[in-house]
Amino acid sequence: MTMNEAKILETVMILCFGAAWPASIIKSWRSRTAKGKSIFFLLIVLTGYCAGIAKVLVSEGTGGFLLLPYGLNTVMVAADTVIYFRNVSIDRGK
C-alpha cells in the first residue's frame, strides 16, 4: 500500500466517524439534558482528534488535506461538549 492510499483510507475513516457527530449534536441540543452523555468520552475523542491534527502538522510530505476532516470533526465534538455543559446547567435548574 502506498502512502497516498493509506492517507485516503485515513480520510475515509475520519469522514465516517464525523458523519455521526451532527446527529449527536442535534440530539444533545433538542434533549436539553446531559443524561446519557459522557463528558469523559467527549474529551477522549476531542483529544484524539487534536492528536490527529498534530500528527498532520508534524508529518513530512503530503497529507495536509487531512487537516480539513480532522478540523471539522474537532469543531463538531467541541460543539457537542459545549452543549453538554449547557445541558448540565439545565439539569441543575430542574
C-alpha atoms as a PDB file:
ATOM      1  CA  MET A   1       0.000   0.000   0.000  1.00  0.00           C
ATOM      2  CA  THR A   2       1.336   3.408  -0.887  1.00  0.00           C
ATOM      3  CA  MET A   3       1.446   6.346   1.488  1.00  0.00           C
ATOM      4  CA  ASN A   4      -1.264   8.135  -0.518  1.00  0.00           C
ATOM      5  CA  GLU A   5      -3.577   5.115  -0.316  1.00  0.00           C
ATOM      6  CA  ALA A   6      -3.068   4.996   3.461  1.00  0.00           C
ATOM      7  CA  LYS A   7      -3.931   8.688   3.757  1.00  0.00           C
ATOM      8  CA  ILE A   8      -7.039   8.227   1.606  1.00  0.00           C
ATOM      9  CA  LEU A   9      -8.173   5.380   3.871  1.00  0.00           C
ATOM     10  CA  GLU A  10      -7.474   7.537   6.939  1.00  0.00           C
ATOM     11  CA  THR A  11      -9.578  10.315   5.417  1.00  0.00           C
ATOM     12  CA  VAL A  12     -12.466   7.910   4.770  1.00  0.00           C
ATOM     13  CA  MET A  13     -12.261   6.707   8.373  1.00  0.00           C
ATOM     14  CA  ILE A  14     -12.324  10.273   9.713  1.00  0.00           C
ATOM     15  CA  LEU A  15     -15.265  11.191   7.464  1.00  0.00           C
ATOM     16  CA  CYS A  16     -17.219   8.130   8.603  1.00  0.00           C
ATOM     17  CA  PHE A  17     -16.630   8.990  12.259  1.00  0.00           C
ATOM     18  CA  GLY A  18     -17.566  12.584  11.515  1.00  0.00           C
ATOM     19  CA  ALA A  19     -20.863  11.586   9.933  1.00  0.00           C
ATOM     20  CA  ALA A  20     -22.238  10.644  13.372  1.00  0.00           C
ATOM     21  CA  TRP A  21     -21.483  13.956  15.094  1.00  0.00           C
ATOM     22  CA  PRO A  22     -24.244  16.090  13.531  1.00  0.00           C
ATOM     23  CA  ALA A  23     -26.856  13.621  14.817  1.00  0.00           C
ATOM     24  CA  SER A  24     -25.274  13.662  18.283  1.00  0.00           C
ATOM     25  CA  ILE A  25     -25.221  17.470  18.333  1.00  0.00           C
ATOM     26  CA  ILE A  26     -28.870  17.707  17.283  1.00  0.00           C
ATOM     27  CA  LYS A  27     -29.924  15.119  19.870  1.00  0.00           C
ATOM     28  CA  SER A  28     -27.972  16.916  22.613  1.00  0.00           C
ATOM     29  CA  TRP A  29     -29.492  20.274  21.675  1.00  0.00           C
ATOM     30  CA  ARG A  30     -33.082  19.025  21.493  1.00  0.00           C
ATOM     31  CA  SER A  31     -32.991  16.794  24.576  1.00  0.00           C
ATOM     32  CA  ARG A  32     -31.895  19.643  26.872  1.00  0.00           C
ATOM     33  CA  THR A  33     -30.376  17.103  29.272  1.00  0.00           C
ATOM     34  CA  ALA A  34     -26.891  15.741  29.872  1.00  0.00           C
ATOM     35  CA  LYS A  35     -28.271  12.361  30.933  1.00  0.00           C
ATOM     36  CA  GLY A  36     -26.799   9.557  28.877  1.00  0.00           C
ATOM     37  CA  LYS A  37     -23.883  11.703  27.710  1.00  0.00           C
ATOM     38  CA  SER A  38     -20.321  11.132  28.918  1.00  0.00           C
ATOM     39  CA  ILE A  39     -18.027  14.136  29.227  1.00  0.00           C
ATOM     40  CA  PHE A  40     -15.091  11.733  29.531  1.00  0.00           C
ATOM     41  CA  PHE A  41     -15.951  10.160  26.180  1.00  0.00           C
ATOM     42  CA  LEU A  42     -16.248  13.574  24.538  1.00  0.00           C
ATOM     43  CA  LEU A  43     -12.898  14.692  25.954  1.00  0.00           C
ATOM     44  CA  ILE A  44     -11.169  11.472  24.886  1.00  0.00           C
ATOM     45  CA  VAL A  45     -12.462  11.850  21.333  1.00  0.00           C
ATOM     46  CA  LEU A  46     -11.552  15.542  21.304  1.00  0.00           C
ATOM     47  CA  THR A  47      -8.025  14.670  22.455  1.00  0.00           C
ATOM     48  CA  GLY A  48      -7.760  12.046  19.722  1.00  0.00           C
ATOM     49  CA  TYR A  49      -8.756  14.494  17.002  1.00  0.00           C
ATOM     50  CA  CYS A  50      -6.283  17.072  18.340  1.00  0.00           C
ATOM     51  CA  ALA A  51      -3.576  14.387  18.223  1.00  0.00           C
ATOM     52  CA  GLY A  52      -4.566  13.670  14.616  1.00  0.00           C
ATOM     53  CA  ILE A  53      -4.202  17.348  13.749  1.00  0.00           C
ATOM     54  CA  ALA A  54      -0.797  17.438  15.467  1.00  0.00           C
ATOM     55  CA  LYS A  55       0.278  14.339  13.511  1.00  0.00           C
ATOM     56  CA  VAL A  56      -0.610  16.023  10.228  1.00  0.00           C
ATOM     57  CA  LEU A  57       1.228  19.204  11.210  1.00  0.00           C
ATOM     58  CA  VAL A  58       4.465  17.414  12.161  1.00  0.00           C
ATOM     59  CA  SER A  59       4.424  14.825   9.349  1.00  0.00           C
ATOM     60  CA  GLU A  60       6.541  15.359   6.306  1.00  0.00           C
ATOM     61  CA  GLY A  61       5.128  15.000   2.820  1.00  0.00           C
ATOM     62  CA  THR A  62       1.590  15.263   1.585  1.00  0.00           C
ATOM     63  CA  GLY A  63      -1.311  14.903   3.933  1.00  0.00           C
ATOM     64  CA  GLY A  64      -2.301  18.473   4.611  1.00  0.00           C
ATOM     65  CA  PHE A  65      -5.722  17.642   3.198  1.00  0.00           C
ATOM     66  CA  LEU A  66      -6.311  15.628   6.381  1.00  0.00           C
ATOM     67  CA  LEU A  67      -6.484  18.873   8.353  1.00  0.00           C
ATOM     68  CA  LEU A  68      -9.955  19.545   6.939  1.00  0.00           C
ATOM     69  CA  PRO A  69     -11.701  16.381   8.180  1.00  0.00           C
ATOM     70  CA  TYR A  70      -9.771  16.362  11.475  1.00  0.00           C
ATOM     71  CA  GLY A  71     -10.572  20.043  11.974  1.00  0.00           C
ATOM     72  CA  LEU A  72     -14.252  19.633  11.111  1.00  0.00           C
ATOM     73  CA  ASN A  73     -14.628  16.699  13.496  1.00  0.00           C
ATOM     74  CA  THR A  74     -12.813  18.615  16.235  1.00  0.00           C
ATOM     75  CA  VAL A  75     -15.218  21.542  15.844  1.00  0.00           C
ATOM     76  CA  MET A  76     -18.242  19.218  15.993  1.00  0.00           C
ATOM     77  CA  VAL A  77     -17.016  17.403  19.120  1.00  0.00           C
ATOM     78  CA  ALA A  78     -16.196  20.754  20.734  1.00  0.00           C
ATOM     79  CA  ALA A  79     -19.736  21.972  19.922  1.00  0.00           C
ATOM     80  CA  ASP A  80     -21.234  18.821  21.440  1.00  0.00           C
ATOM     81  CA  THR A  81     -19.068  19.397  24.523  1.00  0.00           C
ATOM     82  CA  VAL A  82     -20.306  22.981  24.899  1.00  0.00           C
ATOM     83  CA  ILE A  83     -23.910  21.744  24.557  1.00  0.00           C
ATOM     84  CA  TYR A  84     -23.166  19.113  27.217  1.00  0.00           C
ATOM     85  CA  PHE A  85     -22.246  21.845  29.717  1.00  0.00           C
ATOM     86  CA  ARG A  86     -25.349  23.851  28.746  1.00  0.00           C
ATOM     87  CA  ASN A  87     -27.446  20.749  29.389  1.00  0.00           C
ATOM     88  CA  VAL A  88     -25.763  20.130  32.766  1.00  0.00           C
ATOM     89  CA  SER A  89     -26.782  23.658  33.720  1.00  0.00           C
ATOM     90  CA  ILE A  90     -30.351  22.982  32.576  1.00  0.00           C
ATOM     91  CA  ASP A  91     -30.401  19.707  34.563  1.00  0.00           C
ATOM     92  CA  ARG A  92     -29.300  21.537  37.728  1.00  0.00           C
ATOM     93  CA  GLY A  93     -32.149  24.003  37.321  1.00  0.00           C
ATOM     94  CA  LYS A  94     -34.791  21.282  37.139  1.00  0.00           C
END
